[in-house]
Amino acid sequence: MRAGDAAAGLRNAEAVVEYYRSSPPTALEMANALRVAAMAEAATGATMVAKQHWSEARALYVDAGVADGVAEADRHVATLASA
C-alpha cells in the first residue's frame, strides 16, 4: 500500500470511528469501524494507536459474540506488541 493511500484510508477510518462515537452504533458496527481504523493505523506506522483500537474492538467483538473477530483482534494485538 502506498503511503498516500494509507493516509487517506486512515483519515476515512478515523471519520467513521468519530461518527460512531457521536451516534451510538451497535457493538458490532463499532468493532468493525475500529478494525478498519486499526488496520489503517498499522499501515501508517501508528502501532500504539492501532493496538489500542484492536483491543477495544476485541472487547466489542466479545460483547457481540463474534468469535472470529476476537481471534483476529488477538492476532493483531500480539503482532503489534512484538513489533
Protein backbone atom coordinates (compact mmCIF):
# COMPACT_ATOMS: atom_id res chain seq x y z
CA MET A 1 0.00 0.00 0.00
CA ARG A 2 1.35 3.43 -0.91
CA ALA A 3 1.84 5.94 1.90
CA GLY A 4 -0.70 8.34 0.35
CA ASP A 5 -3.30 5.60 0.07
CA ALA A 6 -2.71 4.54 3.67
CA ALA A 7 -3.01 8.13 4.91
CA ALA A 8 -6.27 8.64 3.01
CA GLY A 9 -7.59 5.35 4.34
CA LEU A 10 -6.65 6.37 7.86
CA ARG A 11 -8.47 9.71 7.54
CA ASN A 12 -11.59 7.93 6.29
CA ALA A 13 -11.42 5.31 9.03
CA GLU A 14 -10.97 7.97 11.71
CA ALA A 15 -14.01 9.82 10.39
CA VAL A 16 -16.15 6.68 10.66
CA VAL A 17 -14.95 5.99 14.21
CA GLU A 18 -15.72 9.57 15.26
CA TYR A 19 -19.16 9.35 13.64
CA TYR A 20 -19.96 6.15 15.54
CA ARG A 21 -18.69 7.63 18.80
CA SER A 22 -21.14 10.54 18.36
CA SER A 23 -24.15 8.41 17.36
CA PRO A 24 -24.22 5.14 19.28
CA PRO A 25 -23.83 2.16 16.94
CA THR A 26 -24.25 -1.49 17.78
CA ALA A 27 -21.24 -3.22 19.35
CA LEU A 28 -20.56 -4.98 16.05
CA GLU A 29 -20.71 -1.78 13.99
CA MET A 30 -18.26 -0.06 16.32
CA ALA A 31 -15.96 -3.08 16.42
CA ASN A 32 -15.86 -3.18 12.63
CA ALA A 33 -15.14 0.56 12.44
CA LEU A 34 -12.30 0.17 14.95
CA ARG A 35 -10.99 -2.81 12.98
CA VAL A 36 -10.69 -0.75 9.80
CA ALA A 37 -9.11 2.15 11.70
CA ALA A 38 -6.60 -0.17 13.38
CA MET A 39 -5.57 -1.68 10.05
CA ALA A 40 -5.09 1.79 8.53
CA GLU A 41 -3.16 2.97 11.58
CA ALA A 42 -0.85 -0.03 11.46
CA ALA A 43 -0.23 0.62 7.76
CA THR A 44 0.85 4.20 8.53
CA GLY A 45 3.09 3.16 11.42
CA ALA A 46 0.80 4.28 14.25
CA THR A 47 1.20 0.94 16.00
CA MET A 48 0.37 2.07 19.54
CA VAL A 49 -2.99 3.55 18.47
CA ALA A 50 -3.65 0.52 16.26
CA LYS A 51 -3.07 -1.77 19.24
CA GLN A 52 -5.47 0.29 21.38
CA HIS A 53 -8.15 0.12 18.69
CA TRP A 54 -7.67 -3.62 18.22
CA SER A 55 -8.04 -4.09 21.99
CA GLU A 56 -11.23 -2.02 22.05
CA ALA A 57 -12.58 -3.88 19.01
CA ARG A 58 -11.80 -7.19 20.70
CA ALA A 59 -13.95 -6.30 23.72
CA LEU A 60 -16.79 -5.26 21.42
CA TYR A 61 -16.49 -8.49 19.40
CA VAL A 62 -16.79 -10.38 22.71
CA ASP A 63 -19.95 -8.38 23.52
CA ALA A 64 -21.35 -9.09 20.05
CA GLY A 65 -20.49 -12.80 20.25
CA VAL A 66 -18.23 -12.74 17.17
CA ALA A 67 -15.51 -15.32 17.89
CA ASP A 68 -13.72 -14.73 14.58
CA GLY A 69 -13.42 -11.02 15.39
CA VAL A 70 -12.00 -11.82 18.83
CA ALA A 71 -9.44 -14.19 17.30
CA GLU A 72 -8.43 -11.67 14.63
CA ALA A 73 -8.02 -8.92 17.23
CA ASP A 74 -5.90 -11.22 19.40
CA ARG A 75 -3.61 -11.98 16.44
CA HIS A 76 -3.16 -8.32 15.57
CA VAL A 77 -2.54 -7.23 19.18
CA ALA A 78 0.09 -9.96 19.55
CA THR A 79 1.76 -8.94 16.28
CA LEU A 80 1.77 -5.25 17.19
CA ALA A 81 3.06 -5.99 20.71
CA SER A 82 6.05 -7.82 19.27
CA ALA A 83 6.86 -5.07 16.74
